[in-house]
């Protein structure tokens, strides 16, 4: 399986649109939340990753 890692690829653009805001939100949550909520900042990355995988599966079925 070969992937084109340029912005011409729709998969790369969708991954960037989903994961870059998730990384920013995760960093913000790690910086501002107290340590007892240490698992909460991983939630945006998890949701973003599964959203991307869902998009890939829906796109494959078409």
PDB file of N, CA and C in Angstrom:
ATOM      1  N   UNK A   1       0.850  -1.167   0.000  1.00  0.00           N
ATOM      2  CA  UNK A   1       0.000   0.000   0.000  1.00  0.00           C
ATOM      3  C   UNK A   1       0.898   1.234   0.000  1.00  0.00           C
ATOM      4  N   UNK A   2       0.633   2.148  -0.911  1.00  0.00           N
ATOM      5  CA  UNK A   2       1.464   3.333  -1.052  1.00  0.00           C
ATOM      6  C   UNK A   2       0.642   4.584  -0.770  1.00  0.00           C
ATOM      7  N   UNK A   3       1.232   5.505  -0.025  1.00  0.00           N
ATOM      8  CA  UNK A   3       0.543   6.733   0.324  1.00  0.00           C
ATOM      9  C   UNK A   3       1.313   7.917  -0.224  1.00  0.00           C
ATOM     10  N   UNK A   4       0.584   8.892  -0.697  1.00  0.00           N
ATOM     11  CA  UNK A   4       1.192  10.137  -1.141  1.00  0.00           C
ATOM     12  C   UNK A   4       1.091  11.128   0.013  1.00  0.00           C
ATOM     13  N   UNK A   5       2.230  11.564   0.527  1.00  0.00           N
ATOM     14  CA  UNK A   5       2.241  12.469   1.670  1.00  0.00           C
ATOM     15  C   UNK A   5       2.406  13.907   1.208  1.00  0.00           C
ATOM     16  N   UNK A   6       1.423  14.399   0.471  1.00  0.00           N
ATOM     17  CA  UNK A   6       1.418  15.800   0.064  1.00  0.00           C
ATOM     18  C   UNK A   6       0.013  16.344   0.286  1.00  0.00           C
ATOM     19  N   UNK A   7      -0.115  17.653   0.211  1.00  0.00           N
ATOM     20  CA  UNK A   7      -1.429  18.257   0.428  1.00  0.00           C
ATOM     21  C   UNK A   7      -2.385  18.026  -0.737  1.00  0.00           C
ATOM     22  N   UNK A   8      -1.911  17.410  -1.800  1.00  0.00           N
ATOM     23  CA  UNK A   8      -2.796  17.048  -2.906  1.00  0.00           C
ATOM     24  C   UNK A   8      -3.661  15.835  -2.545  1.00  0.00           C
ATOM     25  N   UNK A   9      -3.185  15.046  -1.596  1.00  0.00           N
ATOM     26  CA  UNK A   9      -3.905  13.856  -1.158  1.00  0.00           C
ATOM     27  C   UNK A   9      -5.050  14.263  -0.227  1.00  0.00           C
ATOM     28  N   UNK A  10      -6.239  13.757  -0.523  1.00  0.00           N
ATOM     29  CA  UNK A  10      -7.401  14.082   0.302  1.00  0.00           C
ATOM     30  C   UNK A  10      -7.273  13.493   1.706  1.00  0.00           C
ATOM     31  N   UNK A  11      -6.661  12.320   1.822  1.00  0.00           N
ATOM     32  CA  UNK A  11      -6.492  11.704   3.146  1.00  0.00           C
ATOM     33  C   UNK A  11      -5.614  12.571   4.042  1.00  0.00           C
ATOM     34  N   UNK A  12      -4.550  13.133   3.481  1.00  0.00           N
ATOM     35  CA  UNK A  12      -3.647  13.978   4.265  1.00  0.00           C
ATOM     36  C   UNK A  12      -4.360  15.249   4.687  1.00  0.00           C
ATOM     37  N   UNK A  13      -5.126  15.870   3.795  1.00  0.00           N
ATOM     38  CA  UNK A  13      -5.856  17.098   4.135  1.00  0.00           C
ATOM     39  C   UNK A  13      -6.884  16.848   5.225  1.00  0.00           C
ATOM     40  N   UNK A  14      -7.626  15.753   5.131  1.00  0.00           N
ATOM     41  CA  UNK A  14      -8.640  15.443   6.150  1.00  0.00           C
ATOM     42  C   UNK A  14      -7.970  15.152   7.480  1.00  0.00           C
ATOM     43  N   UNK A  15      -6.854  14.413   7.453  1.00  0.00           N
ATOM     44  CA  UNK A  15      -6.140  14.125   8.695  1.00  0.00           C
ATOM     45  C   UNK A  15      -5.685  15.421   9.351  1.00  0.00           C
ATOM     46  N   UNK A  16      -5.162  16.356   8.559  1.00  0.00           N
ATOM     47  CA  UNK A  16      -4.722  17.640   9.116  1.00  0.00           C
ATOM     48  C   UNK A  16      -5.894  18.440   9.679  1.00  0.00           C
ATOM     49  N   UNK A  17      -7.027  18.469   8.973  1.00  0.00           N
ATOM     50  CA  UNK A  17      -8.201  19.217   9.441  1.00  0.00           C
ATOM     51  C   UNK A  17      -8.754  18.652  10.744  1.00  0.00           C
ATOM     52  N   UNK A  18      -8.611  17.349  10.947  1.00  0.00           N
ATOM     53  CA  UNK A  18      -9.144  16.734  12.164  1.00  0.00           C
ATOM     54  C   UNK A  18      -8.119  16.745  13.296  1.00  0.00           C
ATOM     55  N   UNK A  19      -6.893  16.363  13.011  1.00  0.00           N
ATOM     56  CA  UNK A  19      -5.920  16.116  14.075  1.00  0.00           C
ATOM     57  C   UNK A  19      -5.199  17.372  14.569  1.00  0.00           C
ATOM     58  N   UNK A  20      -4.976  18.363  13.728  1.00  0.00           N
ATOM     59  CA  UNK A  20      -4.289  19.575  14.205  1.00  0.00           C
ATOM     60  C   UNK A  20      -5.106  20.281  15.299  1.00  0.00           C
ATOM     61  N   UNK A  21      -6.417  20.511  15.109  1.00  0.00           N
ATOM     62  CA  UNK A  21      -7.181  21.087  16.230  1.00  0.00           C
ATOM     63  C   UNK A  21      -7.213  20.177  17.460  1.00  0.00           C
ATOM     64  N   UNK A  22      -7.212  18.861  17.248  1.00  0.00           N
ATOM     65  CA  UNK A  22      -7.192  17.933  18.389  1.00  0.00           C
ATOM     66  C   UNK A  22      -5.883  18.056  19.160  1.00  0.00           C
ATOM     67  N   UNK A  23      -4.754  18.192  18.456  1.00  0.00           N
ATOM     68  CA  UNK A  23      -3.465  18.386  19.130  1.00  0.00           C
ATOM     69  C   UNK A  23      -3.446  19.694  19.903  1.00  0.00           C
ATOM     70  N   UNK A  24      -3.968  20.752  19.311  1.00  0.00           N
ATOM     71  CA  UNK A  24      -3.987  22.056  19.979  1.00  0.00           C
ATOM     72  C   UNK A  24      -4.864  21.996  21.228  1.00  0.00           C
ATOM     73  N   UNK A  25      -6.040  21.398  21.113  1.00  0.00           N
ATOM     74  CA  UNK A  25      -6.938  21.265  22.259  1.00  0.00           C
ATOM     75  C   UNK A  25      -6.314  20.391  23.352  1.00  0.00           C
ATOM     76  N   UNK A  26      -5.653  19.321  22.960  1.00  0.00           N
ATOM     77  CA  UNK A  26      -4.988  18.449  23.929  1.00  0.00           C
ATOM     78  C   UNK A  26      -3.893  19.204  24.670  1.00  0.00           C
ATOM     79  N   UNK A  27      -3.080  19.954  23.952  1.00  0.00           N
ATOM     80  CA  UNK A  27      -2.020  20.727  24.590  1.00  0.00           C
ATOM     81  C   UNK A  27      -2.614  21.743  25.575  1.00  0.00           C
ATOM     82  N   UNK A  28      -3.680  22.428  25.157  1.00  0.00           N
ATOM     83  CA  UNK A  28      -4.325  23.393  26.042  1.00  0.00           C
ATOM     84  C   UNK A  28      -4.884  22.747  27.290  1.00  0.00           C
ATOM     85  N   UNK A  29      -5.495  21.582  27.137  1.00  0.00           N
ATOM     86  CA  UNK A  29      -6.038  20.882  28.304  1.00  0.00           C
ATOM     87  C   UNK A  29      -4.933  20.403  29.240  1.00  0.00           C
ATOM     88  N   UNK A  30      -3.830  19.901  28.681  1.00  0.00           N
ATOM     89  CA  UNK A  30      -2.705  19.486  29.530  1.00  0.00           C
ATOM     90  C   UNK A  30      -2.135  20.669  30.297  1.00  0.00           C
ATOM     91  N   UNK A  31      -2.112  21.839  29.664  1.00  0.00           N
ATOM     92  CA  UNK A  31      -1.506  23.008  30.300  1.00  0.00           C
ATOM     93  C   UNK A  31      -2.389  23.593  31.401  1.00  0.00           C
ATOM     94  N   UNK A  32      -3.715  23.532  31.242  1.00  0.00           N
ATOM     95  CA  UNK A  32      -4.604  24.243  32.162  1.00  0.00           C
ATOM     96  C   UNK A  32      -5.340  23.380  33.169  1.00  0.00           C
ATOM     97  N   UNK A  33      -5.450  22.086  32.940  1.00  0.00           N
ATOM     98  CA  UNK A  33      -6.172  21.237  33.885  1.00  0.00           C
ATOM     99  C   UNK A  33      -5.249  20.766  35.004  1.00  0.00           C
ATOM    100  N   UNK A  34      -5.787  20.580  36.187  1.00  0.00           N
ATOM    101  CA  UNK A  34      -4.968  20.027  37.280  1.00  0.00           C
ATOM    102  C   UNK A  34      -4.602  18.565  37.002  1.00  0.00           C
ATOM    103  N   UNK A  35      -3.638  18.074  37.742  1.00  0.00           N
ATOM    104  CA  UNK A  35      -3.124  16.731  37.475  1.00  0.00           C
ATOM    105  C   UNK A  35      -4.132  15.616  37.749  1.00  0.00           C
ATOM    106  N   UNK A  36      -5.132  15.854  38.565  1.00  0.00           N
ATOM    107  CA  UNK A  36      -6.106  14.777  38.817  1.00  0.00           C
ATOM    108  C   UNK A  36      -6.995  14.503  37.601  1.00  0.00           C
ATOM    109  N   UNK A  37      -6.993  15.397  36.623  1.00  0.00           N
ATOM    110  CA  UNK A  37      -7.722  15.185  35.374  1.00  0.00           C
ATOM    111  C   UNK A  37      -6.760  14.821  34.241  1.00  0.00           C
ATOM    112  N   UNK A  38      -5.740  14.043  34.532  1.00  0.00           N
ATOM    113  CA  UNK A  38      -4.680  13.780  33.560  1.00  0.00           C
ATOM    114  C   UNK A  38      -5.140  12.929  32.371  1.00  0.00           C
ATOM    115  N   UNK A  39      -6.194  12.143  32.512  1.00  0.00           N
ATOM    116  CA  UNK A  39      -6.674  11.331  31.384  1.00  0.00           C
ATOM    117  C   UNK A  39      -7.598  12.104  30.448  1.00  0.00           C
ATOM    118  N   UNK A  40      -8.187  13.172  30.908  1.00  0.00           N
ATOM    119  CA  UNK A  40      -9.129  13.945  30.102  1.00  0.00           C
ATOM    120  C   UNK A  40      -8.509  14.555  28.840  1.00  0.00           C
ATOM    121  N   UNK A  41      -7.279  15.077  28.865  1.00  0.00           N
ATOM    122  CA  UNK A  41      -6.721  15.662  27.651  1.00  0.00           C
ATOM    123  C   UNK A  41      -6.488  14.676  26.513  1.00  0.00           C
ATOM    124  N   UNK A  42      -6.435  13.391  26.787  1.00  0.00           N
ATOM    125  CA  UNK A  42      -6.253  12.433  25.695  1.00  0.00           C
ATOM    126  C   UNK A  42      -7.552  12.193  24.925  1.00  0.00           C
ATOM    127  N   UNK A  43      -8.653  12.641  25.452  1.00  0.00           N
ATOM    128  CA  UNK A  43      -9.946  12.444  24.800  1.00  0.00           C
ATOM    129  C   UNK A  43     -10.039  13.097  23.416  1.00  0.00           C
ATOM    130  N   UNK A  44      -9.608  14.358  23.214  1.00  0.00           N
ATOM    131  CA  UNK A  44      -9.688  14.931  21.863  1.00  0.00           C
ATOM    132  C   UNK A  44      -8.876  14.158  20.830  1.00  0.00           C
ATOM    133  N   UNK A  45      -7.697  13.654  21.213  1.00  0.00           N
ATOM    134  CA  UNK A  45      -6.897  12.880  20.262  1.00  0.00           C
ATOM    135  C   UNK A  45      -7.578  11.564  19.909  1.00  0.00           C
ATOM    136  N   UNK A  46      -8.168  10.929  20.897  1.00  0.00           N
ATOM    137  CA  UNK A  46      -8.860   9.664  20.660  1.00  0.00           C
ATOM    138  C   UNK A  46     -10.074   9.874  19.757  1.00  0.00           C
ATOM    139  N   UNK A  47     -10.850  10.886  20.052  1.00  0.00           N
ATOM    140  CA  UNK A  47     -12.029  11.178  19.229  1.00  0.00           C
ATOM    141  C   UNK A  47     -11.611  11.560  17.815  1.00  0.00           C
ATOM    142  N   UNK A  48     -10.572  12.363  17.696  1.00  0.00           N
ATOM    143  CA  UNK A  48     -10.083  12.760  16.370  1.00  0.00           C
ATOM    144  C   UNK A  48      -9.597  11.577  15.565  1.00  0.00           C
ATOM    145  N   UNK A  49      -8.853  10.694  16.199  1.00  0.00           N
ATOM    146  CA  UNK A  49      -8.327   9.528  15.498  1.00  0.00           C
ATOM    147  C   UNK A  49      -9.454   8.618  15.015  1.00  0.00           C
ATOM    148  N   UNK A  50     -10.421   8.340  15.887  1.00  0.00           N
ATOM    149  CA  UNK A  50     -11.520   7.472  15.474  1.00  0.00           C
ATOM    150  C   UNK A  50     -12.434   8.156  14.457  1.00  0.00           C
ATOM    151  N   UNK A  51     -12.533   9.476  14.510  1.00  0.00           N
ATOM    152  CA  UNK A  51     -13.285  10.204  13.477  1.00  0.00           C
ATOM    153  C   UNK A  51     -12.614  10.049  12.120  1.00  0.00           C
ATOM    154  N   UNK A  52     -11.292  10.157  12.103  1.00  0.00           N
ATOM    155  CA  UNK A  52     -10.560   9.979  10.845  1.00  0.00           C
ATOM    156  C   UNK A  52     -10.727   8.552  10.323  1.00  0.00           C
ATOM    157  N   UNK A  53     -10.605   7.569  11.197  1.00  0.00           N
ATOM    158  CA  UNK A  53     -10.784   6.185  10.754  1.00  0.00           C
ATOM    159  C   UNK A  53     -12.197   5.940  10.228  1.00  0.00           C
ATOM    160  N   UNK A  54     -13.183   6.541  10.887  1.00  0.00           N
ATOM    161  CA  UNK A  54     -14.560   6.426  10.402  1.00  0.00           C
ATOM    162  C   UNK A  54     -14.717   7.044   9.031  1.00  0.00           C
ATOM    163  N   UNK A  55     -14.091   8.198   8.810  1.00  0.00           N
ATOM    164  CA  UNK A  55     -14.152   8.838   7.498  1.00  0.00           C
ATOM    165  C   UNK A  55     -13.513   7.960   6.444  1.00  0.00           C
ATOM    166  N   UNK A  56     -12.371   7.334   6.764  1.00  0.00           N
ATOM    167  CA  UNK A  56     -11.692   6.452   5.803  1.00  0.00           C
ATOM    168  C   UNK A  56     -12.589   5.261   5.465  1.00  0.00           C
ATOM    169  N   UNK A  57     -13.241   4.676   6.467  1.00  0.00           N
ATOM    170  CA  UNK A  57     -14.108   3.514   6.212  1.00  0.00           C
ATOM    171  C   UNK A  57     -15.326   3.901   5.370  1.00  0.00           C
ATOM    172  N   UNK A  58     -15.920   5.054   5.652  1.00  0.00           N
ATOM    173  CA  UNK A  58     -17.070   5.512   4.862  1.00  0.00           C
ATOM    174  C   UNK A  58     -16.641   5.789   3.414  1.00  0.00           C
ATOM    175  N   UNK A  59     -15.464   6.377   3.269  1.00  0.00           N
ATOM    176  CA  UNK A  59     -14.958   6.693   1.927  1.00  0.00           C
ATOM    177  C   UNK A  59     -14.663   5.409   1.144  1.00  0.00           C
ATOM    178  N   UNK A  60     -14.165   4.365   1.815  1.00  0.00           N
ATOM    179  CA  UNK A  60     -13.873   3.098   1.143  1.00  0.00           C
ATOM    180  C   UNK A  60     -15.142   2.415   0.671  1.00  0.00           C
ATOM    181  N   UNK A  61     -16.221   2.538   1.427  1.00  0.00           N
ATOM    182  CA  UNK A  61     -17.464   1.855   1.077  1.00  0.00           C
ATOM    183  C   UNK A  61     -18.137   2.475  -0.143  1.00  0.00           C
ATOM    184  N   UNK A  62     -17.823   3.746  -0.422  1.00  0.00           N
ATOM    185  CA  UNK A  62     -18.458   4.400  -1.577  1.00  0.00           C
ATOM    186  C   UNK A  62     -17.924   3.911  -2.886  1.00  0.00           C
TER     187      UNK A  62
END
